[in-house]
PDB file of N, CA and C in Angstrom:
ATOM      1  N   UNK A   1       0.905  -1.261  -0.028  1.00  0.00           N
ATOM      2  CA  UNK A   1      -0.289  -0.060  -0.079  1.00  0.00           C
ATOM      3  C   UNK A   1       1.372   1.510   0.064  1.00  0.00           C
ATOM      4  N   UNK A   2       0.648   1.648  -1.222  1.00  0.00           N
ATOM      5  CA  UNK A   2       1.156   3.242  -1.391  1.00  0.00           C
ATOM      6  C   UNK A   2       1.028   4.828   0.676  1.00  0.00           C
ATOM      7  N   UNK A   3      -0.137   4.790   0.715  1.00  0.00           N
ATOM      8  CA  UNK A   3      -0.257   4.811   1.974  1.00  0.00           C
ATOM      9  C   UNK A   3       0.959   3.856   3.235  1.00  0.00           C
ATOM     10  N   UNK A   4       1.239   3.244   3.042  1.00  0.00           N
ATOM     11  CA  UNK A   4       1.787   2.935   4.326  1.00  0.00           C
ATOM     12  C   UNK A   4       3.371   3.386   4.116  1.00  0.00           C
ATOM     13  N   UNK A   5       4.117   2.750   2.745  1.00  0.00           N
ATOM     14  CA  UNK A   5       5.772   3.129   2.363  1.00  0.00           C
ATOM     15  C   UNK A   5       5.564   4.477   2.489  1.00  0.00           C
ATOM     16  N   UNK A   6       4.060   5.862   2.484  1.00  0.00           N
ATOM     17  CA  UNK A   6       4.639   6.795   2.770  1.00  0.00           C
ATOM     18  C   UNK A   6       4.813   7.341   5.163  1.00  0.00           C
ATOM     19  N   UNK A   7       3.982   6.940   5.222  1.00  0.00           N
ATOM     20  CA  UNK A   7       4.681   6.616   7.088  1.00  0.00           C
ATOM     21  C   UNK A   7       5.541   6.054   7.315  1.00  0.00           C
ATOM     22  N   UNK A   8       6.488   5.163   6.271  1.00  0.00           N
ATOM     23  CA  UNK A   8       7.555   4.434   6.961  1.00  0.00           C
ATOM     24  C   UNK A   8       9.022   5.816   6.059  1.00  0.00           C
ATOM     25  N   UNK A   9       8.832   6.060   5.267  1.00  0.00           N
ATOM     26  CA  UNK A   9       9.338   7.222   5.097  1.00  0.00           C
ATOM     27  C   UNK A   9       9.306   8.471   5.676  1.00  0.00           C
ATOM     28  N   UNK A  10       8.273   8.329   6.270  1.00  0.00           N
ATOM     29  CA  UNK A  10       8.822  10.334   7.071  1.00  0.00           C
ATOM     30  C   UNK A  10       9.051   9.736   7.993  1.00  0.00           C
ATOM     31  N   UNK A  11       9.387  11.722   8.848  1.00  0.00           N
ATOM     32  CA  UNK A  11      11.033  11.433   9.699  1.00  0.00           C
ATOM     33  C   UNK A  11       9.790  10.864  10.874  1.00  0.00           C
ATOM     34  N   UNK A  12      10.531  10.477  12.273  1.00  0.00           N
ATOM     35  CA  UNK A  12      10.106  10.890  12.955  1.00  0.00           C
ATOM     36  C   UNK A  12       9.601  11.043  14.395  1.00  0.00           C
ATOM     37  N   UNK A  13       9.537  12.193  14.802  1.00  0.00           N
ATOM     38  CA  UNK A  13       8.905  12.838  15.705  1.00  0.00           C
ATOM     39  C   UNK A  13       9.043  12.943  16.992  1.00  0.00           C
ATOM     40  N   UNK A  14       9.506  14.536  16.928  1.00  0.00           N
ATOM     41  CA  UNK A  14      10.244  13.658  18.338  1.00  0.00           C
ATOM     42  C   UNK A  14       9.317  13.507  19.662  1.00  0.00           C
ATOM     43  N   UNK A  15       8.932  14.177  19.404  1.00  0.00           N
ATOM     44  CA  UNK A  15       7.255  13.770  20.719  1.00  0.00           C
ATOM     45  C   UNK A  15       6.628  12.438  19.924  1.00  0.00           C
ATOM     46  N   UNK A  16       7.009  11.253  20.715  1.00  0.00           N
ATOM     47  CA  UNK A  16       5.952  10.263  19.566  1.00  0.00           C
ATOM     48  C   UNK A  16       4.690  10.286  20.542  1.00  0.00           C
ATOM     49  N   UNK A  17       4.913  10.440  21.741  1.00  0.00           N
ATOM     50  CA  UNK A  17       3.463  10.215  22.640  1.00  0.00           C
ATOM     51  C   UNK A  17       2.243  11.310  21.733  1.00  0.00           C
ATOM     52  N   UNK A  18       2.269  12.103  22.296  1.00  0.00           N
ATOM     53  CA  UNK A  18       1.861  13.346  21.361  1.00  0.00           C
ATOM     54  C   UNK A  18       1.424  13.757  19.640  1.00  0.00           C
ATOM     55  N   UNK A  19       1.611  12.937  18.821  1.00  0.00           N
ATOM     56  CA  UNK A  19       1.374  12.921  18.047  1.00  0.00           C
ATOM     57  C   UNK A  19       1.266  10.941  17.647  1.00  0.00           C
ATOM     58  N   UNK A  20       1.105   9.580  18.617  1.00  0.00           N
ATOM     59  CA  UNK A  20       0.901   8.202  18.595  1.00  0.00           C
ATOM     60  C   UNK A  20      -0.861   8.340  18.128  1.00  0.00           C
ATOM     61  N   UNK A  21      -1.607   9.700  18.370  1.00  0.00           N
ATOM     62  CA  UNK A  21      -2.949   9.279  18.078  1.00  0.00           C
ATOM     63  C   UNK A  21      -3.482   9.818  16.215  1.00  0.00           C
ATOM     64  N   UNK A  22      -2.735  10.724  16.455  1.00  0.00           N
ATOM     65  CA  UNK A  22      -2.717  11.917  14.759  1.00  0.00           C
ATOM     66  C   UNK A  22      -2.219  10.463  14.065  1.00  0.00           C
ATOM     67  N   UNK A  23      -0.897   9.961  14.013  1.00  0.00           N
ATOM     68  CA  UNK A  23      -0.787   9.460  13.194  1.00  0.00           C
ATOM     69  C   UNK A  23      -1.178   7.628  12.878  1.00  0.00           C
ATOM     70  N   UNK A  24      -1.975   7.389  13.859  1.00  0.00           N
ATOM     71  CA  UNK A  24      -3.127   6.432  14.338  1.00  0.00           C
ATOM     72  C   UNK A  24      -3.960   6.359  12.754  1.00  0.00           C
ATOM     73  N   UNK A  25      -4.509   8.100  13.162  1.00  0.00           N
ATOM     74  CA  UNK A  25      -6.113   8.007  12.785  1.00  0.00           C
ATOM     75  C   UNK A  25      -5.974   8.584  11.429  1.00  0.00           C
ATOM     76  N   UNK A  26      -4.751   8.661  11.009  1.00  0.00           N
ATOM     77  CA  UNK A  26      -4.503   8.979  10.295  1.00  0.00           C
ATOM     78  C   UNK A  26      -3.956   7.780   9.013  1.00  0.00           C
ATOM     79  N   UNK A  27      -2.643   6.940   9.727  1.00  0.00           N
ATOM     80  CA  UNK A  27      -2.777   5.668   8.715  1.00  0.00           C
ATOM     81  C   UNK A  27      -3.818   4.992   9.086  1.00  0.00           C
ATOM     82  N   UNK A  28      -4.989   4.528  10.217  1.00  0.00           N
ATOM     83  CA  UNK A  28      -5.706   3.893   9.255  1.00  0.00           C
ATOM     84  C   UNK A  28      -6.972   4.175   8.692  1.00  0.00           C
ATOM     85  N   UNK A  29      -7.108   6.063   8.414  1.00  0.00           N
ATOM     86  CA  UNK A  29      -8.231   6.730   6.962  1.00  0.00           C
ATOM     87  C   UNK A  29      -7.611   5.697   6.260  1.00  0.00           C
ATOM     88  N   UNK A  30      -6.209   6.354   5.975  1.00  0.00           N
ATOM     89  CA  UNK A  30      -5.773   5.552   5.048  1.00  0.00           C
ATOM     90  C   UNK A  30      -6.036   4.703   4.082  1.00  0.00           C
ATOM     91  N   UNK A  31      -6.536   3.765   5.610  1.00  0.00           N
ATOM     92  CA  UNK A  31      -6.252   2.368   4.935  1.00  0.00           C
ATOM     93  C   UNK A  31      -7.736   1.442   4.806  1.00  0.00           C
ATOM     94  N   UNK A  32      -8.437   2.410   5.122  1.00  0.00           N
ATOM     95  CA  UNK A  32      -9.383   2.406   4.791  1.00  0.00           C
ATOM     96  C   UNK A  32     -10.467   2.589   3.370  1.00  0.00           C
ATOM     97  N   UNK A  33      -9.361   4.160   2.825  1.00  0.00           N
ATOM     98  CA  UNK A  33      -8.907   4.663   1.039  1.00  0.00           C
ATOM     99  C   UNK A  33      -8.790   3.613   0.570  1.00  0.00           C
ATOM    100  N   UNK A  34      -7.820   3.016   0.544  1.00  0.00           N
ATOM    101  CA  UNK A  34      -7.217   1.725   0.651  1.00  0.00           C
ATOM    102  C   UNK A  34      -8.217   0.231  -0.198  1.00  0.00           C
ATOM    103  N   UNK A  35      -8.648  -0.143   1.500  1.00  0.00           N
ATOM    104  CA  UNK A  35      -9.521  -0.740   0.357  1.00  0.00           C
ATOM    105  C   UNK A  35     -10.546  -0.134   0.297  1.00  0.00           C
ATOM    106  N   UNK A  36     -11.484   0.689   0.392  1.00  0.00           N
ATOM    107  CA  UNK A  36     -12.161   0.963  -0.200  1.00  0.00           C
ATOM    108  C   UNK A  36     -12.259   1.058  -1.975  1.00  0.00           C
ATOM    109  N   UNK A  37     -11.056   1.937  -2.930  1.00  0.00           N
ATOM    110  CA  UNK A  37     -10.261   1.901  -3.962  1.00  0.00           C
ATOM    111  C   UNK A  37     -10.597   0.396  -4.750  1.00  0.00           C
TER     112      UNK A  37
END
């Protein structure tokens, strides 16, 4: 999936805790988009 490649290439945020929820939501939304395509 292209979105997973993008996530893996993205720079790691300094504060994983503050960004974890946002990243999880973004990844989940992208996953749904890939499945729906």
